């Protein structure tokens, strides 16, 4: 909105989309050109990976039905269609399956005057490349899980090496 002469691109996953889809209604209402690339992997993959990295199992990070036999969220896949959701909000939707289709969809989205969502279906078992950065998420100090204890040791070692971006270093 501040620079209507520039193209704005946003890349989100399922979880982020579900928390921001109402903003697309505003973009439609106001005729704001916005290009959203939605990578749908049918869950909260980054949060699930974070859980595993701190020694805890994933919990509720895949879109699954509750299984009446196990009482867990390990039933069938929920039929969540976020591309259809975006279309129902009045957003133009383009689907991309592969790199060439993504490039073509992005070119087409740039030529459109209003909000466009480029939907990319992703494999939920293929993780994004490692960023080689440390995410300061404290790990439980007490747990019955051995993996959590090991994760706590790793956390404490990484925390000891942490340096402030702004301000004074710890003494």
N, C-alpha and C. Protein backbone atom coordinates (compact mmCIF):
# COMPACT_ATOMS: atom_id res chain seq x y z
N UNK A 1 0.83 -1.18 0.00
CA UNK A 1 0.00 0.00 0.00
C UNK A 1 0.88 1.25 0.00
N UNK A 2 2.03 1.17 0.66
CA UNK A 2 2.91 2.32 0.72
C UNK A 2 3.60 2.57 -0.61
N UNK A 3 3.82 1.51 -1.39
CA UNK A 3 4.47 1.63 -2.70
C UNK A 3 3.68 0.83 -3.73
N UNK A 4 2.57 1.38 -4.19
CA UNK A 4 1.72 0.62 -5.11
C UNK A 4 2.39 0.29 -6.44
N UNK A 5 3.51 0.92 -6.73
CA UNK A 5 4.23 0.65 -7.97
C UNK A 5 5.14 -0.57 -7.86
N UNK A 6 5.24 -1.16 -6.68
CA UNK A 6 6.10 -2.32 -6.46
C UNK A 6 5.27 -3.57 -6.23
N UNK A 7 5.79 -4.70 -6.69
CA UNK A 7 5.12 -5.98 -6.45
C UNK A 7 5.49 -6.49 -5.06
N UNK A 8 4.49 -6.96 -4.34
CA UNK A 8 4.70 -7.51 -3.00
C UNK A 8 4.46 -9.01 -3.06
N UNK A 9 5.46 -9.77 -2.65
CA UNK A 9 5.36 -11.23 -2.60
C UNK A 9 5.40 -11.67 -1.14
N UNK A 10 4.57 -12.64 -0.80
CA UNK A 10 4.53 -13.20 0.54
C UNK A 10 4.58 -14.71 0.39
N UNK A 11 5.43 -15.37 1.16
CA UNK A 11 5.48 -16.83 1.14
C UNK A 11 5.06 -17.35 2.50
N UNK A 12 4.04 -18.19 2.51
CA UNK A 12 3.51 -18.73 3.77
C UNK A 12 3.27 -20.22 3.64
N UNK A 13 3.19 -20.87 4.80
CA UNK A 13 2.79 -22.26 4.86
C UNK A 13 1.35 -22.36 5.32
N UNK A 14 0.88 -23.58 5.49
CA UNK A 14 -0.51 -23.81 5.90
C UNK A 14 -0.88 -23.07 7.18
N UNK A 15 -0.05 -23.24 8.20
CA UNK A 15 -0.37 -22.66 9.51
C UNK A 15 -0.46 -21.16 9.45
N UNK A 16 0.51 -20.52 8.80
CA UNK A 16 0.48 -19.07 8.67
C UNK A 16 -0.74 -18.63 7.87
N UNK A 17 -1.03 -19.36 6.80
CA UNK A 17 -2.19 -19.00 5.98
C UNK A 17 -3.47 -19.02 6.81
N UNK A 18 -3.64 -20.05 7.62
CA UNK A 18 -4.86 -20.15 8.42
C UNK A 18 -4.99 -19.00 9.41
N UNK A 19 -3.87 -18.39 9.79
CA UNK A 19 -3.92 -17.27 10.71
C UNK A 19 -4.03 -15.92 10.01
N UNK A 20 -3.81 -15.87 8.68
CA UNK A 20 -3.83 -14.59 8.00
C UNK A 20 -4.83 -14.49 6.86
N UNK A 21 -5.60 -15.51 6.63
CA UNK A 21 -6.47 -15.49 5.45
C UNK A 21 -7.47 -14.35 5.46
N UNK A 22 -7.84 -13.85 6.64
CA UNK A 22 -8.78 -12.72 6.67
C UNK A 22 -8.16 -11.48 6.05
N UNK A 23 -6.83 -11.37 6.06
CA UNK A 23 -6.17 -10.23 5.43
C UNK A 23 -6.36 -10.25 3.92
N UNK A 24 -6.57 -11.44 3.36
CA UNK A 24 -6.83 -11.52 1.93
C UNK A 24 -8.17 -10.88 1.58
N UNK A 25 -9.13 -10.99 2.48
CA UNK A 25 -10.43 -10.34 2.26
C UNK A 25 -10.22 -8.83 2.16
N UNK A 26 -9.38 -8.29 3.02
CA UNK A 26 -9.08 -6.85 2.97
C UNK A 26 -8.41 -6.50 1.65
N UNK A 27 -7.48 -7.33 1.19
CA UNK A 27 -6.80 -7.08 -0.09
C UNK A 27 -7.80 -7.09 -1.24
N UNK A 28 -8.75 -8.01 -1.21
CA UNK A 28 -9.79 -8.06 -2.25
C UNK A 28 -10.65 -6.81 -2.15
N UNK A 29 -11.08 -6.49 -0.95
CA UNK A 29 -11.96 -5.34 -0.70
C UNK A 29 -11.33 -4.03 -1.19
N UNK A 30 -10.04 -3.88 -0.94
CA UNK A 30 -9.35 -2.63 -1.27
C UNK A 30 -8.67 -2.67 -2.64
N UNK A 31 -8.75 -3.80 -3.33
CA UNK A 31 -8.13 -3.92 -4.65
C UNK A 31 -6.61 -3.84 -4.58
N UNK A 32 -6.04 -4.40 -3.53
CA UNK A 32 -4.58 -4.34 -3.34
C UNK A 32 -3.92 -5.51 -4.06
N UNK A 33 -2.94 -5.17 -4.87
CA UNK A 33 -2.17 -6.22 -5.55
C UNK A 33 -1.22 -6.84 -4.54
N UNK A 34 -1.36 -8.13 -4.36
CA UNK A 34 -0.57 -8.89 -3.41
C UNK A 34 -0.40 -10.28 -3.97
N UNK A 35 0.81 -10.80 -3.97
CA UNK A 35 1.06 -12.15 -4.48
C UNK A 35 1.48 -13.03 -3.32
N UNK A 36 0.63 -13.99 -2.99
CA UNK A 36 0.89 -14.91 -1.89
C UNK A 36 1.27 -16.27 -2.47
N UNK A 37 2.43 -16.76 -2.10
CA UNK A 37 2.84 -18.11 -2.47
C UNK A 37 2.57 -18.98 -1.25
N UNK A 38 1.61 -19.88 -1.39
CA UNK A 38 1.21 -20.76 -0.30
C UNK A 38 1.79 -22.15 -0.53
N UNK A 39 2.66 -22.57 0.35
CA UNK A 39 3.23 -23.91 0.29
C UNK A 39 2.42 -24.76 1.26
N UNK A 40 1.58 -25.63 0.71
CA UNK A 40 0.69 -26.44 1.54
C UNK A 40 1.26 -27.84 1.72
N UNK A 41 1.68 -28.13 2.95
CA UNK A 41 2.21 -29.46 3.27
C UNK A 41 1.30 -30.19 4.26
N UNK A 42 0.10 -29.68 4.43
CA UNK A 42 -0.94 -30.32 5.24
C UNK A 42 -0.58 -30.46 6.71
N UNK A 43 -0.02 -29.39 7.25
CA UNK A 43 0.28 -29.39 8.67
C UNK A 43 1.18 -28.25 9.07
N UNK A 44 1.69 -28.35 10.25
CA UNK A 44 2.62 -27.36 10.79
C UNK A 44 3.99 -28.02 10.83
N UNK A 45 4.61 -28.17 9.66
CA UNK A 45 5.85 -28.93 9.56
C UNK A 45 6.98 -28.32 10.37
N UNK A 46 7.14 -27.00 10.31
CA UNK A 46 8.26 -26.40 11.04
C UNK A 46 8.08 -26.55 12.55
N UNK A 47 6.85 -26.46 13.02
CA UNK A 47 6.60 -26.63 14.46
C UNK A 47 6.83 -28.09 14.87
N UNK A 48 6.41 -29.02 14.02
CA UNK A 48 6.66 -30.43 14.30
C UNK A 48 8.15 -30.74 14.37
N UNK A 49 8.91 -30.17 13.43
CA UNK A 49 10.36 -30.38 13.43
C UNK A 49 10.98 -29.73 14.66
N UNK A 50 10.46 -28.58 15.06
CA UNK A 50 10.96 -27.93 16.27
C UNK A 50 10.71 -28.81 17.48
N UNK A 51 9.52 -29.39 17.57
CA UNK A 51 9.22 -30.30 18.69
C UNK A 51 10.23 -31.43 18.75
N UNK A 52 10.49 -32.02 17.59
CA UNK A 52 11.45 -33.12 17.55
C UNK A 52 12.85 -32.66 17.94
N UNK A 53 13.21 -31.43 17.55
CA UNK A 53 14.56 -30.94 17.84
C UNK A 53 14.79 -30.69 19.32
N UNK A 54 13.71 -30.54 20.08
CA UNK A 54 13.85 -30.33 21.53
C UNK A 54 13.51 -31.60 22.31
N UNK A 55 13.50 -32.73 21.61
CA UNK A 55 13.33 -34.01 22.27
C UNK A 55 11.91 -34.41 22.57
N UNK A 56 10.95 -33.76 21.93
CA UNK A 56 9.54 -34.08 22.16
C UNK A 56 8.94 -34.61 20.86
N UNK A 57 7.98 -35.50 20.96
CA UNK A 57 7.32 -35.98 19.74
C UNK A 57 6.42 -34.90 19.16
N UNK A 58 6.12 -35.03 17.89
CA UNK A 58 5.16 -34.11 17.26
C UNK A 58 3.80 -34.31 17.92
N UNK A 59 3.05 -33.25 18.03
CA UNK A 59 1.70 -33.37 18.59
C UNK A 59 0.78 -32.44 17.82
N UNK A 60 -0.16 -33.01 17.11
CA UNK A 60 -1.16 -32.22 16.39
C UNK A 60 -0.59 -31.34 15.30
N UNK A 61 0.53 -31.75 14.70
CA UNK A 61 1.13 -30.90 13.68
C UNK A 61 0.81 -31.34 12.25
N UNK A 62 0.04 -32.40 12.10
CA UNK A 62 -0.45 -32.82 10.79
C UNK A 62 -1.97 -32.66 10.80
N UNK A 63 -2.56 -32.32 9.68
CA UNK A 63 -4.02 -32.21 9.60
C UNK A 63 -4.59 -33.62 9.45
N UNK A 64 -4.92 -34.22 10.58
CA UNK A 64 -5.44 -35.59 10.64
C UNK A 64 -6.68 -35.64 11.51
N UNK A 65 -7.54 -36.58 11.20
CA UNK A 65 -8.69 -36.86 12.05
C UNK A 65 -8.23 -37.58 13.31
N UNK A 66 -8.98 -37.40 14.39
CA UNK A 66 -8.71 -38.17 15.60
C UNK A 66 -9.16 -39.60 15.34
N UNK A 67 -8.31 -40.53 15.63
CA UNK A 67 -8.57 -41.95 15.44
C UNK A 67 -9.33 -42.46 16.67
N UNK A 68 -10.56 -42.97 16.49
CA UNK A 68 -11.32 -43.44 17.65
C UNK A 68 -10.68 -44.66 18.33
N UNK A 69 -9.88 -45.42 17.59
CA UNK A 69 -9.24 -46.61 18.18
C UNK A 69 -8.06 -46.24 19.07
N UNK A 70 -7.29 -45.22 18.66
CA UNK A 70 -6.09 -44.85 19.43
C UNK A 70 -6.32 -43.62 20.30
N UNK A 71 -7.35 -42.84 19.96
CA UNK A 71 -7.57 -41.58 20.67
C UNK A 71 -6.58 -40.50 20.26
N UNK A 72 -5.78 -40.79 19.26
CA UNK A 72 -4.74 -39.85 18.81
C UNK A 72 -5.11 -39.22 17.47
N UNK A 73 -4.36 -38.20 17.11
CA UNK A 73 -4.57 -37.53 15.82
C UNK A 73 -3.77 -38.25 14.73
N UNK A 74 -4.03 -39.55 14.59
CA UNK A 74 -3.33 -40.35 13.59
C UNK A 74 -4.30 -41.02 12.63
N UNK A 75 -5.47 -40.42 12.48
CA UNK A 75 -6.47 -40.95 11.55
C UNK A 75 -6.18 -40.48 10.13
N UNK A 76 -7.20 -40.52 9.31
CA UNK A 76 -7.05 -40.11 7.92
C UNK A 76 -6.72 -38.64 7.78
N UNK A 77 -6.24 -38.27 6.60
CA UNK A 77 -5.87 -36.89 6.31
C UNK A 77 -7.12 -36.03 6.18
N UNK A 78 -7.11 -34.88 6.84
CA UNK A 78 -8.23 -33.93 6.72
C UNK A 78 -8.26 -33.36 5.31
N UNK A 79 -9.43 -33.21 4.72
CA UNK A 79 -9.52 -32.69 3.35
C UNK A 79 -9.45 -31.16 3.32
N UNK A 80 -8.33 -30.60 3.78
CA UNK A 80 -8.16 -29.15 3.83
C UNK A 80 -7.68 -28.67 2.47
N UNK A 81 -8.47 -27.82 1.82
CA UNK A 81 -8.13 -27.29 0.50
C UNK A 81 -8.01 -25.77 0.62
N UNK A 82 -6.82 -25.31 0.91
CA UNK A 82 -6.61 -23.88 1.13
C UNK A 82 -6.70 -23.08 -0.16
N UNK A 83 -6.43 -23.70 -1.30
CA UNK A 83 -6.60 -22.99 -2.57
C UNK A 83 -8.08 -22.67 -2.78
N UNK A 84 -8.95 -23.63 -2.50
CA UNK A 84 -10.39 -23.40 -2.61
C UNK A 84 -10.84 -22.34 -1.61
N UNK A 85 -10.23 -22.36 -0.42
CA UNK A 85 -10.56 -21.34 0.58
C UNK A 85 -10.22 -19.95 0.06
N UNK A 86 -9.03 -19.79 -0.49
CA UNK A 86 -8.63 -18.48 -1.01
C UNK A 86 -9.55 -18.03 -2.14
N UNK A 87 -9.91 -18.95 -3.02
CA UNK A 87 -10.83 -18.61 -4.11
C UNK A 87 -12.17 -18.17 -3.56
N UNK A 88 -12.63 -18.81 -2.48
CA UNK A 88 -13.92 -18.44 -1.90
C UNK A 88 -13.88 -17.04 -1.29
N UNK A 89 -12.69 -16.53 -1.02
CA UNK A 89 -12.55 -15.18 -0.48
C UNK A 89 -12.46 -14.13 -1.58
N UNK A 90 -12.44 -14.59 -2.83
CA UNK A 90 -12.36 -13.67 -3.96
C UNK A 90 -10.96 -13.47 -4.50
N UNK A 91 -10.02 -14.28 -4.04
CA UNK A 91 -8.63 -14.19 -4.48
C UNK A 91 -8.45 -15.04 -5.73
N UNK A 92 -7.71 -14.52 -6.69
CA UNK A 92 -7.38 -15.30 -7.88
C UNK A 92 -6.37 -16.37 -7.46
N UNK A 93 -6.61 -17.62 -7.85
CA UNK A 93 -5.75 -18.73 -7.44
C UNK A 93 -5.11 -19.38 -8.66
N UNK A 94 -3.80 -19.55 -8.59
CA UNK A 94 -3.04 -20.28 -9.60
C UNK A 94 -2.37 -21.45 -8.91
N UNK A 95 -2.35 -22.60 -9.57
CA UNK A 95 -1.71 -23.77 -8.98
C UNK A 95 -0.40 -24.03 -9.71
N UNK A 96 0.61 -24.41 -8.94
CA UNK A 96 1.93 -24.69 -9.51
C UNK A 96 2.42 -26.04 -9.00
N UNK A 97 2.72 -26.92 -9.92
CA UNK A 97 3.27 -28.23 -9.59
C UNK A 97 4.61 -28.37 -10.31
N UNK A 98 5.65 -27.94 -9.67
CA UNK A 98 6.97 -28.00 -10.28
C UNK A 98 7.53 -26.60 -10.51
N UNK A 99 8.83 -26.55 -10.76
CA UNK A 99 9.54 -25.28 -10.87
C UNK A 99 9.05 -24.45 -12.05
N UNK A 100 8.90 -25.07 -13.21
CA UNK A 100 8.48 -24.30 -14.40
C UNK A 100 7.07 -23.74 -14.22
N UNK A 101 6.17 -24.53 -13.65
CA UNK A 101 4.82 -24.03 -13.40
C UNK A 101 4.84 -22.91 -12.37
N UNK A 102 5.72 -22.99 -11.39
CA UNK A 102 5.84 -21.92 -10.40
C UNK A 102 6.31 -20.64 -11.07
N UNK A 103 7.32 -20.73 -11.90
CA UNK A 103 7.81 -19.54 -12.62
C UNK A 103 6.70 -18.92 -13.46
N UNK A 104 5.97 -19.76 -14.18
CA UNK A 104 4.88 -19.25 -15.03
C UNK A 104 3.79 -18.61 -14.18
N UNK A 105 3.45 -19.24 -13.06
CA UNK A 105 2.41 -18.70 -12.18
C UNK A 105 2.84 -17.36 -11.59
N UNK A 106 4.09 -17.22 -11.22
CA UNK A 106 4.58 -15.95 -10.68
C UNK A 106 4.54 -14.85 -11.74
N UNK A 107 4.89 -15.18 -12.98
CA UNK A 107 4.79 -14.19 -14.06
C UNK A 107 3.34 -13.77 -14.25
N UNK A 108 2.44 -14.75 -14.27
CA UNK A 108 1.02 -14.46 -14.44
C UNK A 108 0.48 -13.63 -13.27
N UNK A 109 0.90 -13.96 -12.07
CA UNK A 109 0.46 -13.21 -10.89
C UNK A 109 0.93 -11.76 -10.95
N UNK A 110 2.15 -11.54 -11.43
CA UNK A 110 2.66 -10.18 -11.54
C UNK A 110 1.84 -9.35 -12.52
N UNK A 111 1.27 -9.99 -13.53
CA UNK A 111 0.47 -9.28 -14.53
C UNK A 111 -0.94 -8.96 -14.05
N UNK A 112 -1.37 -9.58 -12.97
CA UNK A 112 -2.73 -9.38 -12.43
C UNK A 112 -2.74 -8.17 -11.50
N UNK A 113 -3.85 -7.42 -11.51
CA UNK A 113 -3.94 -6.20 -10.71
C UNK A 113 -4.34 -6.42 -9.25
N UNK A 114 -5.01 -7.50 -8.95
CA UNK A 114 -5.49 -7.72 -7.59
C UNK A 114 -4.70 -8.79 -6.86
N UNK A 115 -5.23 -9.25 -5.73
CA UNK A 115 -4.54 -10.29 -4.98
C UNK A 115 -4.57 -11.64 -5.70
N UNK A 116 -3.44 -12.31 -5.68
CA UNK A 116 -3.30 -13.62 -6.31
C UNK A 116 -2.62 -14.56 -5.34
N UNK A 117 -3.10 -15.78 -5.28
CA UNK A 117 -2.46 -16.81 -4.47
C UNK A 117 -1.92 -17.88 -5.40
N UNK A 118 -0.64 -18.18 -5.27
CA UNK A 118 -0.02 -19.26 -6.03
C UNK A 118 0.07 -20.44 -5.07
N UNK A 119 -0.66 -21.50 -5.38
CA UNK A 119 -0.75 -22.66 -4.50
C UNK A 119 0.26 -23.71 -4.93
N UNK A 120 1.13 -24.10 -4.00
CA UNK A 120 2.14 -25.12 -4.25
C UNK A 120 1.91 -26.26 -3.27
N UNK A 121 1.59 -27.41 -3.79
CA UNK A 121 1.41 -28.61 -2.95
C UNK A 121 2.79 -29.17 -2.64
N UNK A 122 3.06 -29.43 -1.35
CA UNK A 122 4.38 -29.91 -0.94
C UNK A 122 4.26 -31.21 -0.18
N UNK A 123 5.29 -32.02 -0.28
CA UNK A 123 5.35 -33.29 0.43
C UNK A 123 5.61 -33.00 1.91
N UNK A 124 4.73 -33.45 2.80
CA UNK A 124 4.93 -33.15 4.22
C UNK A 124 6.14 -33.84 4.85
N UNK A 125 6.71 -34.81 4.16
CA UNK A 125 7.85 -35.52 4.71
C UNK A 125 9.19 -35.00 4.19
N UNK A 126 9.15 -33.99 3.33
CA UNK A 126 10.38 -33.39 2.82
C UNK A 126 10.55 -32.05 3.52
N UNK A 127 11.60 -31.95 4.31
CA UNK A 127 11.84 -30.73 5.09
C UNK A 127 12.55 -29.68 4.26
N UNK A 128 12.39 -28.43 4.67
CA UNK A 128 13.14 -27.33 4.07
C UNK A 128 14.61 -27.50 4.44
N UNK A 129 15.51 -26.95 3.62
CA UNK A 129 16.93 -27.05 3.95
C UNK A 129 17.23 -26.41 5.30
N UNK A 130 18.22 -26.94 6.00
CA UNK A 130 18.63 -26.41 7.29
C UNK A 130 19.19 -25.00 7.13
N UNK A 131 18.74 -24.09 7.96
CA UNK A 131 19.19 -22.70 7.88
C UNK A 131 20.54 -22.49 8.55
N UNK A 132 21.04 -23.50 9.23
CA UNK A 132 22.32 -23.40 9.95
C UNK A 132 22.27 -22.33 11.04
N UNK A 133 21.08 -22.01 11.49
CA UNK A 133 20.94 -21.02 12.57
C UNK A 133 20.40 -21.72 13.81
N UNK A 134 20.53 -21.05 14.93
CA UNK A 134 20.06 -21.61 16.20
C UNK A 134 18.79 -20.91 16.60
N UNK A 135 17.79 -21.67 16.95
CA UNK A 135 16.50 -21.14 17.36
C UNK A 135 16.44 -21.28 18.88
N UNK A 136 16.43 -20.15 19.58
CA UNK A 136 16.47 -20.16 21.05
C UNK A 136 15.11 -20.53 21.62
N UNK A 137 14.88 -21.82 21.67
CA UNK A 137 13.64 -22.36 22.25
C UNK A 137 14.06 -23.23 23.42
N UNK A 138 13.78 -22.78 24.64
CA UNK A 138 14.19 -23.55 25.82
C UNK A 138 13.62 -24.97 25.81
N UNK A 139 14.40 -25.88 26.32
CA UNK A 139 14.02 -27.28 26.40
C UNK A 139 13.76 -27.61 27.87
N UNK A 140 12.78 -28.44 28.12
CA UNK A 140 12.43 -28.82 29.49
C UNK A 140 13.67 -29.32 30.24
N UNK A 141 13.80 -28.88 31.49
CA UNK A 141 14.93 -29.32 32.32
C UNK A 141 14.69 -30.71 32.88
N UNK A 142 13.43 -31.09 33.03
CA UNK A 142 13.07 -32.38 33.62
C UNK A 142 12.12 -33.09 32.66
N UNK A 143 12.44 -34.34 32.35
CA UNK A 143 11.58 -35.11 31.46
C UNK A 143 11.89 -36.59 31.63
N UNK A 144 10.89 -37.42 31.39
CA UNK A 144 11.10 -38.86 31.40
C UNK A 144 11.67 -39.35 30.07
N UNK A 145 11.69 -38.49 29.05
CA UNK A 145 12.18 -38.88 27.74
C UNK A 145 13.69 -38.63 27.65
N UNK A 146 14.44 -39.66 27.29
CA UNK A 146 15.89 -39.50 27.12
C UNK A 146 16.21 -38.46 26.06
N UNK A 147 15.42 -38.44 24.99
CA UNK A 147 15.67 -37.49 23.90
C UNK A 147 15.57 -36.05 24.39
N UNK A 148 14.66 -35.79 25.32
CA UNK A 148 14.52 -34.44 25.86
C UNK A 148 15.74 -34.07 26.70
N UNK A 149 16.25 -35.01 27.48
CA UNK A 149 17.46 -34.76 28.26
C UNK A 149 18.65 -34.43 27.38
N UNK A 150 18.80 -35.18 26.28
CA UNK A 150 19.88 -34.91 25.33
C UNK A 150 19.69 -33.56 24.66
N UNK A 151 18.45 -33.25 24.31
CA UNK A 151 18.16 -31.96 23.69
C UNK A 151 18.46 -30.82 24.66
N UNK A 152 18.21 -31.03 25.95
CA UNK A 152 18.51 -30.00 26.96
C UNK A 152 20.01 -29.75 27.03
N UNK A 153 20.81 -30.81 26.97
CA UNK A 153 22.27 -30.64 26.99
C UNK A 153 22.73 -29.83 25.77
N UNK A 154 22.17 -30.14 24.61
CA UNK A 154 22.51 -29.40 23.39
C UNK A 154 22.08 -27.95 23.50
N UNK A 155 20.91 -27.73 24.07
CA UNK A 155 20.40 -26.37 24.25
C UNK A 155 21.34 -25.56 25.15
N UNK A 156 21.74 -26.14 26.27
CA UNK A 156 22.62 -25.43 27.21
C UNK A 156 23.97 -25.10 26.57
N UNK A 157 24.49 -26.01 25.76
CA UNK A 157 25.76 -25.75 25.07
C UNK A 157 25.60 -24.62 24.06
N UNK A 158 24.52 -24.63 23.31
CA UNK A 158 24.27 -23.58 22.33
C UNK A 158 24.01 -22.24 23.02
N UNK A 159 23.27 -22.28 24.11
CA UNK A 159 22.97 -21.06 24.87
C UNK A 159 24.25 -20.42 25.40
N UNK A 160 25.20 -21.24 25.82
CA UNK A 160 26.48 -20.72 26.33
C UNK A 160 27.25 -19.99 25.24
N UNK A 161 27.04 -20.37 23.99
CA UNK A 161 27.73 -19.73 22.86
C UNK A 161 26.96 -18.56 22.28
N UNK A 162 25.77 -18.33 22.77
CA UNK A 162 24.93 -17.26 22.23
C UNK A 162 25.56 -15.89 22.52
N UNK A 163 25.52 -15.02 21.53
CA UNK A 163 26.03 -13.66 21.68
C UNK A 163 24.89 -12.70 21.37
N UNK A 164 24.82 -11.61 22.13
CA UNK A 164 23.72 -10.66 21.89
C UNK A 164 23.91 -9.94 20.56
N UNK A 165 22.82 -9.70 19.91
CA UNK A 165 22.85 -8.92 18.67
C UNK A 165 22.98 -7.44 19.02
N UNK A 166 22.26 -7.03 20.04
CA UNK A 166 22.31 -5.66 20.54
C UNK A 166 22.56 -5.70 22.04
N UNK A 167 23.23 -4.73 22.56
CA UNK A 167 23.42 -4.67 24.01
C UNK A 167 24.71 -5.33 24.45
N UNK A 168 24.83 -5.43 25.75
CA UNK A 168 26.05 -5.97 26.35
C UNK A 168 26.02 -7.50 26.41
N UNK A 169 27.18 -8.08 26.33
CA UNK A 169 27.31 -9.53 26.47
C UNK A 169 27.08 -9.92 27.92
N UNK A 170 26.60 -11.15 28.13
CA UNK A 170 26.42 -11.66 29.49
C UNK A 170 27.78 -11.85 30.15
N UNK A 171 27.81 -11.70 31.44
CA UNK A 171 29.06 -11.88 32.20
C UNK A 171 29.16 -13.28 32.72
